[in-house]
Protein backbone atom coordinates (compact mmCIF):
# COMPACT_ATOMS: atom_id res chain seq x y z
CA UNK A 1 0.24 -0.07 0.25
CA UNK A 2 1.72 2.66 -1.01
CA UNK A 3 1.61 6.49 0.24
CA UNK A 4 0.16 7.90 -3.02
CA UNK A 5 -2.56 5.51 -2.60
CA UNK A 6 -3.20 6.55 1.34
CA UNK A 7 -2.68 10.09 0.55
CA UNK A 8 -5.46 9.82 -2.05
CA UNK A 9 -8.53 7.43 -0.53
CA UNK A 10 -7.90 10.54 2.35
CA UNK A 11 -9.28 13.42 0.62
CA UNK A 12 -12.74 14.41 0.19
CA UNK A 13 -15.28 12.65 3.12
CA UNK A 14 -14.32 10.74 5.78
CA UNK A 15 -16.15 8.15 7.79
CA UNK A 16 -15.81 8.37 11.36
CA UNK A 17 -12.42 9.74 10.78
CA UNK A 18 -11.21 7.67 8.34
CA UNK A 19 -11.13 7.05 4.07
CA UNK A 20 -14.34 7.71 2.75
CA UNK A 21 -14.10 4.73 0.62
CA UNK A 22 -14.55 3.02 3.93
CA UNK A 23 -18.30 3.16 4.07
CA UNK A 24 -18.58 1.49 1.18
CA UNK A 25 -16.64 -1.36 2.03
CA UNK A 26 -18.26 -1.69 5.57
CA UNK A 27 -21.76 -1.61 3.79
CA UNK A 28 -20.86 -4.99 1.42
CA UNK A 29 -19.31 -6.43 4.07
CA UNK A 30 -22.19 -6.32 6.87
CA UNK A 31 -24.87 -7.42 4.14
CA UNK A 32 -22.31 -10.01 3.29
CA UNK A 33 -22.12 -11.74 6.91
CA UNK A 34 -26.28 -10.56 6.84
CA UNK A 35 -26.62 -13.31 4.33
CA UNK A 36 -23.89 -15.64 5.29
CA UNK A 37 -24.42 -15.99 9.16
CA UNK A 38 -27.99 -16.06 8.64
CA UNK A 39 -27.97 -19.39 6.38
CA UNK A 40 -25.02 -20.79 8.85
CA UNK A 41 -27.26 -20.08 11.59
CA UNK A 42 -29.70 -22.50 10.10
CA UNK A 43 -27.00 -24.93 8.73
CA UNK A 44 -26.48 -27.25 11.57
CA UNK A 45 -30.73 -27.24 11.95
CA UNK A 46 -31.31 -27.96 8.50
CA UNK A 47 -28.68 -30.87 8.07
CA UNK A 48 -29.49 -32.98 11.60
CA UNK A 49 -33.51 -31.91 12.06
CA UNK A 50 -35.61 -34.88 10.77
CA UNK A 51 -37.97 -34.63 7.45
CA UNK A 52 -40.93 -34.05 9.42
CA UNK A 53 -39.44 -31.27 10.80
CA UNK A 54 -37.99 -29.53 7.17
CA UNK A 55 -34.67 -30.90 7.58
CA UNK A 56 -32.36 -33.29 6.06
CA UNK A 57 -32.48 -36.17 8.49
CA UNK A 58 -28.42 -36.31 8.70
CA UNK A 59 -26.65 -37.67 11.74
CA UNK A 60 -25.88 -35.20 14.58
CA UNK A 61 -22.24 -35.68 15.13
CA UNK A 62 -22.22 -35.88 11.18
CA UNK A 63 -24.28 -32.40 10.19
CA UNK A 64 -21.47 -30.87 13.07
CA UNK A 65 -18.46 -32.44 11.04
CA UNK A 66 -19.91 -30.80 7.96
CA UNK A 67 -20.28 -27.67 9.00
CA UNK A 68 -17.26 -27.38 10.24
CA UNK A 69 -15.54 -28.42 6.42
CA UNK A 70 -18.35 -26.29 5.26
CA UNK A 71 -17.23 -23.08 7.16
CA UNK A 72 -13.22 -24.06 6.52
CA UNK A 73 -13.95 -24.87 3.11
CA UNK A 74 -14.96 -20.81 2.78
CA UNK A 75 -11.80 -19.28 4.21
CA UNK A 76 -9.76 -22.15 1.70
CA UNK A 77 -11.20 -20.71 -0.92
CA UNK A 78 -9.53 -17.04 -0.08
CA UNK A 79 -6.43 -18.95 -1.93
CA UNK A 80 -8.09 -19.00 -4.94
CA UNK A 81 -9.69 -15.44 -4.18
CA UNK A 82 -6.42 -13.44 -3.75
CA UNK A 83 -4.59 -15.58 -6.54
CA UNK A 84 -7.26 -14.10 -9.11
CA UNK A 85 -6.77 -10.44 -7.36
CA UNK A 86 -2.77 -10.29 -6.89
CA UNK A 87 -2.44 -12.42 -11.11
CA UNK A 88 -5.61 -11.54 -12.77
CA UNK A 89 -7.98 -8.67 -12.28
CA UNK A 90 -7.41 -7.05 -9.23
CA UNK A 91 -9.29 -6.60 -5.63
CA UNK A 92 -12.00 -4.88 -6.50
CA UNK A 93 -13.16 -6.74 -9.71
CA UNK A 94 -12.81 -9.93 -7.23
CA UNK A 95 -15.00 -8.53 -5.16
CA UNK A 96 -17.59 -7.35 -7.27
CA UNK A 97 -18.31 -11.32 -8.93
CA UNK A 98 -17.64 -13.32 -5.54
CA UNK A 99 -19.99 -10.98 -4.43
CA UNK A 100 -22.86 -12.43 -7.39
CA UNK A 101 -21.52 -15.65 -7.00
CA UNK A 102 -22.78 -15.40 -3.21
CA UNK A 103 -26.51 -14.09 -3.96
CA UNK A 104 -26.83 -16.80 -6.34
CA UNK A 105 -25.41 -19.48 -3.99
CA UNK A 106 -28.71 -18.28 -1.46
CA UNK A 107 -31.09 -18.25 -4.52
CA UNK A 108 -30.00 -21.71 -4.72
CA UNK A 109 -30.59 -23.41 -1.03
CA UNK A 110 -33.49 -21.34 -1.30
CA UNK A 111 -35.00 -23.46 -3.90
CA UNK A 112 -33.53 -26.51 -5.21
CA UNK A 113 -34.80 -29.45 -3.08
CA UNK A 114 -33.19 -31.40 -0.47
CA UNK A 115 -29.39 -32.12 -1.57
CA UNK A 116 -29.34 -30.86 -4.51
CA UNK A 117 -29.50 -27.16 -3.54
CA UNK A 118 -27.55 -27.75 -0.26
CA UNK A 119 -24.09 -29.01 -2.78
CA UNK A 120 -25.03 -26.59 -5.43
CA UNK A 121 -25.95 -23.89 -2.73
CA UNK A 122 -22.58 -23.90 -0.62
CA UNK A 123 -20.09 -24.23 -2.90
CA UNK A 124 -21.21 -21.19 -4.08
CA UNK A 125 -21.61 -19.65 -1.29
CA UNK A 126 -18.15 -21.26 -0.30
CA UNK A 127 -15.98 -20.41 -3.40
CA UNK A 128 -18.03 -16.31 -3.20
CA UNK A 129 -17.07 -15.67 0.31
CA UNK A 130 -13.47 -17.15 0.22
CA UNK A 131 -13.40 -14.23 -2.79
CA UNK A 132 -15.20 -11.77 -0.66
CA UNK A 133 -13.11 -11.46 2.41
CA UNK A 134 -9.89 -11.59 1.60
CA UNK A 135 -10.53 -8.51 -1.07
CA UNK A 136 -12.64 -6.57 1.08
CA UNK A 137 -9.85 -6.49 3.44
CA UNK A 138 -7.08 -6.34 0.85
CA UNK A 139 -9.08 -2.66 0.15
CA UNK A 140 -10.03 -1.45 3.56
CA UNK A 141 -5.58 -2.34 3.97
CA UNK A 142 -4.92 -0.41 0.62
CA UNK A 143 -6.74 2.87 1.99
CA UNK A 144 -4.03 3.45 4.89
CA UNK A 145 -0.37 3.76 5.13
CA UNK A 146 1.51 1.00 6.75
CA UNK A 147 2.56 2.96 9.81
CA UNK A 148 -0.35 4.99 9.66
CA UNK A 149 -2.17 4.63 13.73
CA UNK A 150 -5.47 4.40 12.59
CA UNK A 151 -5.50 0.98 10.97
CA UNK A 152 -6.00 -0.85 13.64
CA UNK A 153 -9.48 1.40 14.61
CA UNK A 154 -10.18 1.49 10.60
CA UNK A 155 -10.46 -2.70 10.43
CA UNK A 156 -11.99 -2.50 14.07
CA UNK A 157 -14.69 -0.11 12.41
CA UNK A 158 -14.99 -2.80 9.32
CA UNK A 159 -15.69 -5.56 11.60
CA UNK A 160 -18.20 -3.85 13.23
CA UNK A 161 -20.19 -3.70 9.97
CA UNK A 162 -19.81 -7.53 9.68
CA UNK A 163 -20.94 -8.13 12.94
CA UNK A 164 -23.74 -5.45 12.15
CA UNK A 165 -25.08 -7.92 9.40
CA UNK A 166 -24.03 -11.42 11.93
CA UNK A 167 -26.39 -9.70 14.06
CA UNK A 168 -29.50 -9.16 11.56
CA UNK A 169 -28.98 -12.25 9.60
CA UNK A 170 -29.53 -15.30 12.26
CA UNK A 171 -32.80 -13.03 14.20
CA UNK A 172 -34.19 -12.72 10.53
CA UNK A 173 -33.58 -16.05 9.00
CA UNK A 174 -34.10 -17.89 12.72
CA UNK A 175 -37.47 -16.24 12.98
CA UNK A 176 -38.37 -17.35 8.97
CA UNK A 177 -37.59 -20.85 9.70
CA UNK A 178 -39.37 -21.14 13.09
CA UNK A 179 -42.13 -19.68 11.04
CA UNK A 180 -42.16 -20.44 7.52
CA UNK A 181 -39.74 -22.66 6.93
CA UNK A 182 -35.78 -23.50 6.49
CA UNK A 183 -35.92 -22.48 2.77
CA UNK A 184 -37.88 -18.89 3.29
CA UNK A 185 -35.25 -18.58 5.63
CA UNK A 186 -32.07 -19.37 3.25
CA UNK A 187 -34.26 -17.03 0.29
CA UNK A 188 -33.97 -14.03 3.09
CA UNK A 189 -30.20 -14.07 2.53
CA UNK A 190 -30.36 -14.07 -1.17
CA UNK A 191 -32.29 -10.59 -0.74
CA UNK A 192 -29.76 -9.76 1.82
CA UNK A 193 -26.89 -10.10 -0.80
CA UNK A 194 -28.61 -8.58 -3.81
CA UNK A 195 -28.85 -5.37 -1.15
CA UNK A 196 -25.41 -5.33 -0.08
CA UNK A 197 -24.61 -5.67 -4.15
CA UNK A 198 -26.56 -3.20 -5.45
CA UNK A 199 -25.29 -0.67 -2.72
CA UNK A 200 -21.86 -2.01 -3.56
CA UNK A 201 -22.35 -1.49 -6.93
CA UNK A 202 -22.95 2.26 -6.87
CA UNK A 203 -20.22 2.89 -4.61
CA UNK A 204 -17.01 1.16 -7.13
CA UNK A 205 -15.96 4.16 -7.81
CA UNK A 206 -14.75 5.86 -4.41
CA UNK A 207 -12.24 2.97 -3.92
CA UNK A 208 -8.94 3.70 -4.87
CA UNK A 209 -7.72 2.40 -8.21
CA UNK A 210 -5.10 0.54 -7.22
CA UNK A 211 -7.80 -1.79 -6.27
CA UNK A 212 -8.16 -2.30 -10.42
CA UNK A 213 -4.17 -3.68 -10.57
CA UNK A 214 -2.83 -7.00 -9.67
CA UNK A 215 0.19 -6.55 -7.10
CA UNK A 216 1.94 -9.70 -9.28
CA UNK A 217 0.78 -9.22 -12.59
CA UNK A 218 0.55 -13.09 -14.37
CA UNK A 219 2.49 -13.43 -18.06
CA UNK A 220 0.51 -13.81 -20.76
CA UNK A 221 2.16 -16.97 -21.94
CA UNK A 222 2.36 -18.27 -18.13
CA UNK A 223 -1.99 -18.02 -18.55
CA UNK A 224 -1.92 -21.51 -20.89
CA UNK A 225 -0.34 -23.58 -18.09
CA UNK A 226 -2.24 -22.00 -14.98
CA UNK A 227 -5.34 -23.36 -16.65
CA UNK A 228 -4.00 -26.43 -16.92
CA UNK A 229 -3.34 -26.49 -13.72
CA UNK A 230 -7.11 -25.30 -12.44
CA UNK A 231 -8.31 -28.40 -14.68
CA UNK A 232 -6.12 -30.57 -13.00
CA UNK A 233 -7.21 -29.66 -9.68
CA UNK A 234 -10.90 -29.91 -10.32
CA UNK A 235 -10.46 -32.94 -12.26
CA UNK A 236 -8.61 -34.43 -8.91
CA UNK A 237 -11.42 -33.12 -6.57
CA UNK A 238 -14.32 -35.00 -8.74
CA UNK A 239 -12.48 -37.95 -9.09
CA UNK A 240 -11.56 -38.00 -4.92
CA UNK A 241 -15.47 -37.61 -4.17
CA UNK A 242 -16.71 -40.72 -7.67
CA UNK A 243 -13.90 -42.59 -6.11
CA UNK A 244 -15.12 -42.47 -2.04
CA UNK A 245 -11.48 -41.52 -1.40
CA UNK A 246 -12.93 -38.45 0.44
CA UNK A 247 -16.79 -39.11 1.93
CA UNK A 248 -18.99 -36.65 3.85
CA UNK A 249 -17.20 -38.74 7.04
CA UNK A 250 -14.10 -37.54 6.52
CA UNK A 251 -14.54 -34.38 4.63
CA UNK A 252 -13.62 -32.02 7.55
CA UNK A 253 -10.13 -33.76 8.04
CA UNK A 254 -9.39 -33.94 4.73
CA UNK A 255 -9.63 -30.43 4.04
CA UNK A 256 -7.73 -30.02 7.37
CA UNK A 257 -4.95 -32.13 5.49
CA UNK A 258 -5.28 -29.58 2.44
CA UNK A 259 -5.31 -26.29 4.59
CA UNK A 260 -1.97 -27.64 6.72
CA UNK A 261 -0.76 -28.31 2.99
CA UNK A 262 -1.60 -25.30 1.47
CA UNK A 263 -0.41 -23.27 3.89
CA UNK A 264 3.13 -24.98 4.39
CA UNK A 265 3.41 -24.20 0.48
CA UNK A 266 2.77 -20.62 0.43
CA UNK A 267 5.07 -19.66 3.06
CA UNK A 268 7.93 -21.84 0.99
CA UNK A 269 6.84 -19.74 -1.81
CA UNK A 270 6.12 -16.57 -0.86
CA UNK A 271 9.97 -16.98 1.60
CA UNK A 272 12.02 -18.30 -1.11
CA UNK A 273 9.78 -15.84 -3.69
CA UNK A 274 13.10 -13.02 -5.05
CA UNK A 275 10.44 -10.41 -5.18
CA UNK A 276 10.81 -10.64 -1.28
CA UNK A 277 13.70 -8.67 0.31
CA UNK A 278 15.79 -9.49 3.01
CA UNK A 279 13.45 -7.19 6.04
CA UNK A 280 10.01 -8.30 4.05
CA UNK A 281 11.41 -11.93 4.44
CA UNK A 282 12.05 -11.38 8.55
CA UNK A 283 8.56 -10.03 9.04
CA UNK A 284 7.18 -13.31 6.81
CA UNK A 285 8.97 -15.42 9.09
CA UNK A 286 7.48 -13.46 12.11
CA UNK A 287 3.58 -13.97 10.45
CA UNK A 288 3.64 -17.52 11.79
CA UNK A 289 3.14 -17.77 15.43
CA UNK A 290 0.29 -15.05 14.44
CA UNK A 291 -0.87 -18.26 12.14
CA UNK A 292 -0.97 -20.71 14.80
CA UNK A 293 -2.03 -18.49 17.25
CA UNK A 294 -5.30 -17.32 14.59
CA UNK A 295 -6.12 -21.32 13.80
CA UNK A 296 -5.97 -22.13 17.55
CA UNK A 297 -8.70 -19.23 18.15
CA UNK A 298 -10.80 -20.02 15.41
CA UNK A 299 -11.02 -23.89 16.41
CA UNK A 300 -12.58 -22.79 19.91
CA UNK A 301 -14.46 -19.59 18.69
CA UNK A 302 -16.08 -21.03 15.61
CA UNK A 303 -17.35 -23.81 17.60
CA UNK A 304 -20.23 -21.39 17.80
CA UNK A 305 -21.69 -23.52 14.79
CA UNK A 306 -21.20 -26.96 15.65
CA UNK A 307 -21.07 -27.87 19.26
CA UNK A 308 -22.44 -24.52 20.94
CA UNK A 309 -25.71 -24.58 18.13
CA UNK A 310 -26.19 -27.96 18.99
CA UNK A 311 -25.84 -27.05 23.18
CA UNK A 312 -28.64 -24.55 22.03
CA UNK A 313 -31.03 -26.79 20.48
CA UNK A 314 -30.91 -29.48 23.63
CA UNK A 315 -29.49 -27.76 26.85
CA UNK A 316 -30.11 -24.35 27.05
CA UNK A 317 -33.11 -22.45 28.67
CA UNK A 318 -34.10 -20.13 25.51
CA UNK A 319 -37.83 -19.63 27.43
CA UNK A 320 -37.90 -16.01 27.92
CA UNK A 321 -41.37 -15.94 29.98
CA UNK A 322 -43.90 -18.28 28.03
CA UNK A 323 -42.03 -17.30 24.76
CA UNK A 324 -38.98 -19.97 23.62
CA UNK A 325 -36.72 -18.02 21.42
CA UNK A 326 -35.33 -19.96 18.43
CA UNK A 327 -31.97 -21.54 19.05
CA UNK A 328 -30.35 -19.97 15.74
CA UNK A 329 -30.17 -16.62 17.91
CA UNK A 330 -27.84 -17.63 20.02
CA UNK A 331 -25.51 -17.25 16.92
CA UNK A 332 -26.61 -12.96 17.01
CA UNK A 333 -25.79 -12.95 20.77
CA UNK A 334 -21.89 -12.35 19.98
CA UNK A 335 -22.24 -9.87 16.98
CA UNK A 336 -24.50 -7.71 19.97
CA UNK A 337 -21.56 -7.74 22.47
CA UNK A 338 -19.50 -6.85 18.76
CA UNK A 339 -21.62 -3.73 17.58
CA UNK A 340 -21.54 -2.46 21.31
CA UNK A 341 -17.44 -2.77 21.96
CA UNK A 342 -16.00 -2.66 18.50
CA UNK A 343 -15.93 0.86 18.63
CA UNK A 344 -14.97 1.07 22.51
CA UNK A 345 -11.73 -1.02 20.95
CA UNK A 346 -11.21 0.76 17.84
CA UNK A 347 -11.23 4.25 19.78
CA UNK A 348 -8.70 2.74 22.51
CA UNK A 349 -6.11 1.79 19.61
CA UNK A 350 -6.75 5.69 18.56
CA UNK A 351 -6.07 7.23 21.56
CA UNK A 352 -3.11 4.66 22.69
CA UNK A 353 -1.75 4.73 19.59
CA UNK A 354 1.84 3.49 19.63
CA UNK A 355 1.07 2.77 22.83
CA UNK A 356 -1.30 0.52 22.45
CA UNK A 357 -0.22 -3.73 23.25
CA UNK A 358 1.83 -4.92 21.08
CA UNK A 359 -0.11 -7.19 18.49
CA UNK A 360 1.72 -10.50 19.94
CA UNK A 361 0.21 -9.63 23.38
CA UNK A 362 -3.22 -8.96 21.62
CA UNK A 363 -2.94 -12.36 20.19
CA UNK A 364 -1.36 -14.31 23.53
CA UNK A 365 -4.19 -11.94 25.82
CA UNK A 366 -7.01 -12.90 23.49
CA UNK A 367 -6.21 -17.15 23.49
CA UNK A 368 -5.88 -16.73 27.39
CA UNK A 369 -9.45 -15.04 27.35
CA UNK A 370 -11.05 -17.70 24.86
CA UNK A 371 -10.09 -20.44 26.67
CA UNK A 372 -11.43 -19.66 30.17
CA UNK A 373 -14.75 -19.05 28.49
CA UNK A 374 -14.29 -22.81 27.54
CA UNK A 375 -13.18 -23.15 31.46
CA UNK A 376 -16.44 -21.80 32.21
CA UNK A 377 -18.96 -24.50 31.02
CA UNK A 378 -17.51 -26.44 33.22
CA UNK A 379 -19.89 -25.85 36.68
CA UNK A 380 -22.54 -25.94 34.06
CA UNK A 381 -22.23 -29.31 33.87
CA UNK A 382 -24.59 -30.22 36.79
CA UNK A 383 -27.06 -28.25 35.41
CA UNK A 384 -30.18 -29.97 33.79
CA UNK A 385 -31.07 -26.99 31.33
CA UNK A 386 -28.13 -24.12 31.04
CA UNK A 387 -29.34 -20.64 31.99
CA UNK A 388 -29.67 -18.78 28.69
CA UNK A 389 -27.47 -15.77 30.91
CA UNK A 390 -25.11 -18.23 31.72
CA UNK A 391 -24.27 -18.72 27.80
CA UNK A 392 -24.79 -14.72 27.73
CA UNK A 393 -21.58 -14.52 29.47
CA UNK A 394 -19.56 -16.72 28.16
CA UNK A 395 -19.65 -15.62 24.43
CA UNK A 396 -18.72 -11.96 26.08
CA UNK A 397 -15.51 -13.50 26.94
CA UNK A 398 -15.82 -14.71 23.35
CA UNK A 399 -16.68 -11.55 22.23
CA UNK A 400 -13.49 -9.72 23.88
CA UNK A 401 -10.89 -12.90 22.64
CA UNK A 402 -12.23 -11.80 18.89
CA UNK A 403 -11.53 -7.90 19.44
CA UNK A 404 -7.97 -8.76 20.60
CA UNK A 405 -7.61 -10.98 17.23
CA UNK A 406 -9.49 -11.19 14.42
CA UNK A 407 -9.57 -7.63 13.36
CA UNK A 408 -6.07 -6.94 14.50
CA UNK A 409 -4.88 -10.20 13.09
CA UNK A 410 -6.70 -8.80 9.58
CA UNK A 411 -4.19 -5.70 10.18
CA UNK A 412 -1.51 -7.56 10.87
CA UNK A 413 -1.14 -9.84 7.39
CA UNK A 414 -1.97 -5.77 5.79
CA UNK A 415 1.48 -5.08 7.36
CA UNK A 416 3.70 -7.74 7.26
CA UNK A 417 2.81 -8.75 3.74
CA UNK A 418 5.24 -8.14 1.05
CA UNK A 419 4.88 -5.72 -1.72
CA UNK A 420 4.30 -8.62 -3.95
CA UNK A 421 2.34 -10.81 -2.48
CA UNK A 422 -0.83 -8.56 -0.53
CA UNK A 423 -3.81 -10.67 -0.99
CA UNK A 424 -2.59 -13.56 -0.34
CA UNK A 425 -0.85 -12.51 2.54
CA UNK A 426 -4.33 -11.72 3.39
CA UNK A 427 -4.96 -15.53 1.83
CA UNK A 428 -2.64 -16.75 4.64
CA UNK A 429 -4.64 -15.19 7.95
CA UNK A 430 -7.72 -16.99 6.42
CA UNK A 431 -6.19 -20.01 5.85
CA UNK A 432 -5.66 -19.90 9.73
CA UNK A 433 -9.19 -19.25 9.95
CA UNK A 434 -10.04 -22.45 7.48
CA UNK A 435 -7.84 -24.61 9.52
CA UNK A 436 -9.09 -23.67 13.09
CA UNK A 437 -13.11 -23.63 11.59
CA UNK A 438 -12.11 -27.01 10.01
CA UNK A 439 -11.19 -28.00 13.37
CA UNK A 440 -14.35 -26.51 15.03
CA UNK A 441 -16.26 -29.34 13.42
CA UNK A 442 -13.55 -31.96 14.06
CA UNK A 443 -13.27 -30.90 17.52
CA UNK A 444 -17.23 -30.71 18.23
CA UNK A 445 -17.18 -34.75 17.64
CA UNK A 446 -15.05 -34.91 20.61
CA UNK A 447 -17.87 -33.43 22.90
CA UNK A 448 -20.08 -35.95 24.76
CA UNK A 449 -22.87 -35.30 26.70
CA UNK A 450 -22.77 -36.62 30.25
CA UNK A 451 -18.78 -36.46 30.22
CA UNK A 452 -18.11 -32.58 29.47
CA UNK A 453 -15.27 -32.26 31.76
CA UNK A 454 -12.67 -33.61 29.88
CA UNK A 455 -13.82 -31.98 26.57
CA UNK A 456 -13.71 -28.83 28.48
CA UNK A 457 -10.37 -29.11 29.70
CA UNK A 458 -8.75 -30.13 27.02
CA UNK A 459 -10.33 -26.97 24.90
CA UNK A 460 -9.50 -23.48 27.20
CA UNK A 461 -6.27 -25.25 28.96
CA UNK A 462 -4.08 -26.07 25.16
CA UNK A 463 -5.91 -22.44 24.51
CA UNK A 464 -4.59 -20.82 28.09
CA UNK A 465 -0.73 -22.45 27.60
CA UNK A 466 -0.63 -21.44 23.38
CA UNK A 467 -1.44 -17.73 24.89
CA UNK A 468 1.07 -18.14 27.65
CA UNK A 469 3.42 -18.71 25.39
CA UNK A 470 2.03 -15.98 22.36
CA UNK A 471 2.78 -13.48 24.62
CA UNK A 472 6.32 -15.04 25.94
CA UNK A 473 8.09 -14.83 22.45
CA UNK A 474 6.39 -11.03 22.19
CA UNK A 475 10.25 -10.26 22.38
CA UNK A 476 11.65 -12.40 19.89
CA UNK A 477 8.98 -10.94 17.36
CA UNK A 478 9.77 -7.66 18.11
CA UNK A 479 13.06 -8.31 16.49
CA UNK A 480 11.84 -9.91 13.86
CA UNK A 481 9.21 -7.36 13.01
CA UNK A 482 10.95 -4.81 12.88
CA UNK A 483 9.29 -1.13 12.81
CA UNK A 484 6.36 -2.92 12.50
CA UNK A 485 3.92 -3.06 15.63
């Protein structure tokens, strides 16, 4: 992100003291999250509810595993979105067409029956969301110079938009599902994405011109080779499912292995690239602990859509007076807290400026807090039905952990990115989210009602230990990161 680009983006109207173009990105991400979380809040229930309740009647353990695998695939597809951006089209174009794909995917879930609609819809939403995520973050990062102390606050504001959508989406789709059925809920997600797409299309011209320029353009004579590579990968994927090497039962673990291999390859390619200088190479090395910490955090946090989804359906007392809250509404508790506290965190980072804690300390605290949240489940084992306020308190802790890691993690990915691999470094951050999200489905399979304490100790204790290790590594990371805070 050049200083020239930043100075251009800062002229004219501002958005809460930030570049005005942030408003357009705030809007499209808000509506994309509305559609994404509106659909994902229903997904596990749609899979394991019986046909008489409008579901597919799938085994619950398999359904939770597939939800994790799907979430992992969303973030895994950021690789494709980032590569198309950096090598061919630029971030802005990839974001626009990805949004179209998401909308079509939700339409498929709403209109196509049974497993046909599920497969086509989830593939389109996964690929589209992956393309939109990495490039929206890249475009936000392009609005600031690397040394601009507002960048963490800017990402926190952007993250508030994410969570406004994440709040409203499940509330509306959950009510529609209970009242009219799953497919009407999925249809509302499609309409939300259409609204976001329209607003974004109207504001595309406000974005920096650099968003239309690939960072590392692919030479024309190499394009045929890459077309063949992509075709071969597609054939391998189809063959793996056709021969049952990959099955619904092992899909989550397969996605996890693919993410790990892809991450190792990505790090190796960037570290060995001649377009990366010595300073940038040190900063890439520094990013590896952040990748690991991020994966560990999301493995716990994303269990909102796996273990906590089933827990909310079966173990949570959702009655408020005589009215029973839909289980999918639990998905909206975290966004409520994000909306309340994201501005507080943004203001705090802005006020502290260069005196704020180092990013490694923020990551470490995040892991300790999310680990403590899981340990808080232990005393609830003795309850027949968990009080709603108890789960609200646990999700509040998860929110504080999220605000310490997620917007900050996106910001550090942009700050540590080599010039030739801007969007692809963001894709690496999302690969850590992919790995963690996939593991959230795998780990949920180890949860056993009636024998819960070992599960919570293993989840929470591991996160706390990793968080302490992250904070202890701060001095060494400072040396590798140089002037990057």
